[in-house]
Protein backbone atom coordinates (compact mmCIF):
# COMPACT_ATOMS: atom_id res chain seq x y z
CA UNK A 1 -12.59 -3.25 21.12
CA UNK A 2 -10.01 -0.73 19.95
CA UNK A 3 -8.82 -0.74 16.34
CA UNK A 4 -6.85 -3.97 15.92
CA UNK A 5 -4.87 -2.63 12.93
CA UNK A 6 -3.88 0.52 14.80
CA UNK A 7 -2.71 -1.34 17.91
CA UNK A 8 -0.73 -3.87 15.86
CA UNK A 9 0.74 -1.17 13.64
CA UNK A 10 1.87 0.90 16.61
CA UNK A 11 3.57 -2.17 18.10
CA UNK A 12 5.44 -2.99 14.89
CA UNK A 13 6.14 0.34 13.15
CA UNK A 14 9.51 1.17 14.74
CA UNK A 15 10.76 -2.40 14.33
CA UNK A 16 9.85 -2.39 10.64
CA UNK A 17 11.48 1.01 10.09
CA UNK A 18 14.64 -0.07 11.94
CA UNK A 19 14.91 -2.96 9.48
CA UNK A 20 14.89 -0.43 6.62
CA UNK A 21 11.31 -0.81 5.43
CA UNK A 22 8.21 1.33 5.48
CA UNK A 23 5.02 -0.03 6.99
CA UNK A 24 2.64 0.89 4.19
CA UNK A 25 -0.56 -0.56 5.64
CA UNK A 26 -2.00 -2.94 8.21
CA UNK A 27 -5.30 -4.76 7.73
CA UNK A 28 -7.29 -7.03 10.01
CA UNK A 29 -9.48 -9.08 7.69
CA UNK A 30 -11.15 -12.47 7.35
CA UNK A 31 -9.38 -14.74 4.87
CA UNK A 32 -10.21 -18.38 4.25
CA UNK A 33 -12.32 -18.61 7.40
CA UNK A 34 -9.77 -17.11 9.79
CA UNK A 35 -8.86 -13.63 10.92
CA UNK A 36 -5.58 -12.34 9.49
CA UNK A 37 -3.44 -9.43 10.56
CA UNK A 38 -1.74 -8.39 7.31
CA UNK A 39 1.24 -6.03 7.31
CA UNK A 40 2.23 -4.52 3.95
CA UNK A 41 5.81 -3.29 3.69
CA UNK A 42 7.73 -1.48 0.99
CA UNK A 43 11.16 -0.12 0.24
CA UNK A 44 12.62 1.90 -2.62
CA UNK A 45 15.11 -0.98 -2.93
CA UNK A 46 12.26 -3.50 -3.32
CA UNK A 47 11.01 -6.25 -1.02
CA UNK A 48 11.47 -9.98 -1.47
CA UNK A 49 10.15 -13.06 0.32
CA UNK A 50 13.18 -13.21 2.63
CA UNK A 51 12.51 -9.61 3.69
CA UNK A 52 8.91 -10.51 4.52
CA UNK A 53 10.09 -13.44 6.63
CA UNK A 54 12.64 -11.28 8.44
CA UNK A 55 10.03 -8.64 9.25
CA UNK A 56 7.50 -11.26 10.34
CA UNK A 57 9.94 -12.83 12.78
CA UNK A 58 11.03 -9.42 14.07
CA UNK A 59 7.53 -8.10 14.81
CA UNK A 60 5.87 -11.31 16.01
CA UNK A 61 6.64 -10.93 19.71
CA UNK A 62 5.89 -7.18 19.84
CA UNK A 63 2.52 -7.65 18.13
CA UNK A 64 1.72 -10.63 20.35
CA UNK A 65 2.56 -8.61 23.48
CA UNK A 66 0.37 -5.73 22.30
CA UNK A 67 -2.55 -8.22 22.15
CA UNK A 68 -4.41 -6.27 19.44
CA UNK A 69 -7.20 -8.86 19.12
CA UNK A 70 -7.94 -9.21 22.81
CA UNK A 71 -6.74 -12.83 22.91
CA UNK A 72 -8.69 -13.85 19.80
CA UNK A 73 -6.67 -16.03 17.39
CA UNK A 74 -5.25 -14.52 14.20
CA UNK A 75 -2.74 -15.28 11.47
CA UNK A 76 0.17 -12.82 11.18
CA UNK A 77 1.19 -12.17 7.57
CA UNK A 78 3.79 -9.82 6.11
CA UNK A 79 3.61 -9.04 2.41
CA UNK A 80 4.93 -6.62 -0.18
CA UNK A 81 2.89 -3.67 -1.36
CA UNK A 82 2.64 -5.27 -4.80
CA UNK A 83 0.06 -3.62 -7.00
CA UNK A 84 -2.30 -2.50 -4.24
CA UNK A 85 -4.17 0.72 -4.94
CA UNK A 86 -2.70 3.99 -3.69
CA UNK A 87 -4.88 5.34 -0.89
CA UNK A 88 -3.29 8.31 0.81
CA UNK A 89 -0.62 11.01 0.59
CA UNK A 90 2.08 8.67 1.94
CA UNK A 91 1.33 6.23 -0.90
CA UNK A 92 1.39 8.99 -3.51
CA UNK A 93 4.66 10.37 -2.10
CA UNK A 94 6.28 6.94 -2.12
CA UNK A 95 5.30 6.29 -5.74
CA UNK A 96 6.18 9.74 -7.15
CA UNK A 97 8.29 9.27 -10.31
CA UNK A 98 7.20 5.61 -10.50
CA UNK A 99 5.17 4.06 -13.31
CA UNK A 100 1.49 3.82 -12.31
CA UNK A 101 -1.71 2.65 -13.94
CA UNK A 102 -4.73 4.93 -13.65
CA UNK A 103 -8.23 3.63 -14.37
CA UNK A 104 -10.90 6.29 -14.51
CA UNK A 105 -14.69 6.22 -14.20
CA UNK A 106 -15.57 8.54 -17.07
CA UNK A 107 -13.47 8.48 -20.24
CA UNK A 108 -11.30 11.42 -21.21
CA UNK A 109 -9.22 11.90 -24.36
CA UNK A 110 -11.82 10.21 -26.51
CA UNK A 111 -12.75 6.78 -25.26
CA UNK A 112 -9.71 6.12 -23.11
CA UNK A 113 -10.31 4.95 -19.52
CA UNK A 114 -6.88 3.47 -18.68
CA UNK A 115 -3.55 5.31 -18.63
CA UNK A 116 0.00 4.26 -17.75
CA UNK A 117 2.61 6.86 -16.93
CA UNK A 118 4.99 8.29 -14.34
CA UNK A 119 3.29 9.74 -11.28
CA UNK A 120 4.47 13.35 -11.28
CA UNK A 121 2.28 15.28 -8.86
CA UNK A 122 -0.84 15.20 -6.73
CA UNK A 123 -2.85 17.45 -4.50
CA UNK A 124 -6.14 17.29 -2.68
CA UNK A 125 -8.17 17.19 -5.91
CA UNK A 126 -5.93 16.04 -8.75
CA UNK A 127 -3.28 13.54 -9.84
CA UNK A 128 -0.83 14.24 -12.67
CA UNK A 129 1.02 11.56 -14.61
CA UNK A 130 3.43 11.89 -17.52
CA UNK A 131 2.34 9.79 -20.51
CA UNK A 132 4.81 9.82 -23.41
CA UNK A 133 6.19 13.24 -22.34
CA UNK A 134 2.70 14.76 -21.98
CA UNK A 135 1.22 15.54 -18.58
CA UNK A 136 -2.28 14.20 -18.02
CA UNK A 137 -4.22 15.61 -15.08
CA UNK A 138 -7.02 13.58 -13.49
CA UNK A 139 -9.64 14.77 -11.06
CA UNK A 140 -9.45 12.42 -8.06
CA UNK A 141 -13.23 12.16 -8.12
CA UNK A 142 -12.96 10.55 -11.59
CA UNK A 143 -10.27 8.01 -10.61
CA UNK A 144 -11.52 4.48 -10.09
CA UNK A 145 -8.10 3.06 -9.12
CA UNK A 146 -4.48 4.12 -9.26
CA UNK A 147 -1.79 1.53 -8.55
CA UNK A 148 1.85 0.79 -9.34
CA UNK A 149 2.11 -0.55 -12.87
CA UNK A 150 3.46 -4.06 -13.16
CA UNK A 151 4.09 -4.81 -16.83
CA UNK A 152 5.31 -7.98 -18.40
């Protein structure tokens, strides 16, 4: 069977964008004993529960008609990006100049393995964040996770 996430994403992408959101990711995963087709959306203006409901209702028929699972049952879910890890250039571009949390594998700057700062730049091999007006450069190979920082 073809890639379920790709088929579903292709069916929904334009609809999501026309509603003013970015389709950040689509996953087809088993959750609580059932298969779920999870769409993750984001917007520079933020995303709330009503936005998720609006997108879900808007894409439901298009995804259903695309039949990404080959008639196998699934649960359609639309969610915010939240604090999911950044995976690709589109994620890094979206979160440039946003507060992120970087957890690294091997400590730098003494014993420190966790940093919070503004994502400033990235390339194929490195990520740069600004921590208290100092730029800290990480080798991507040493990054365990990088995600939007949600502080309380």
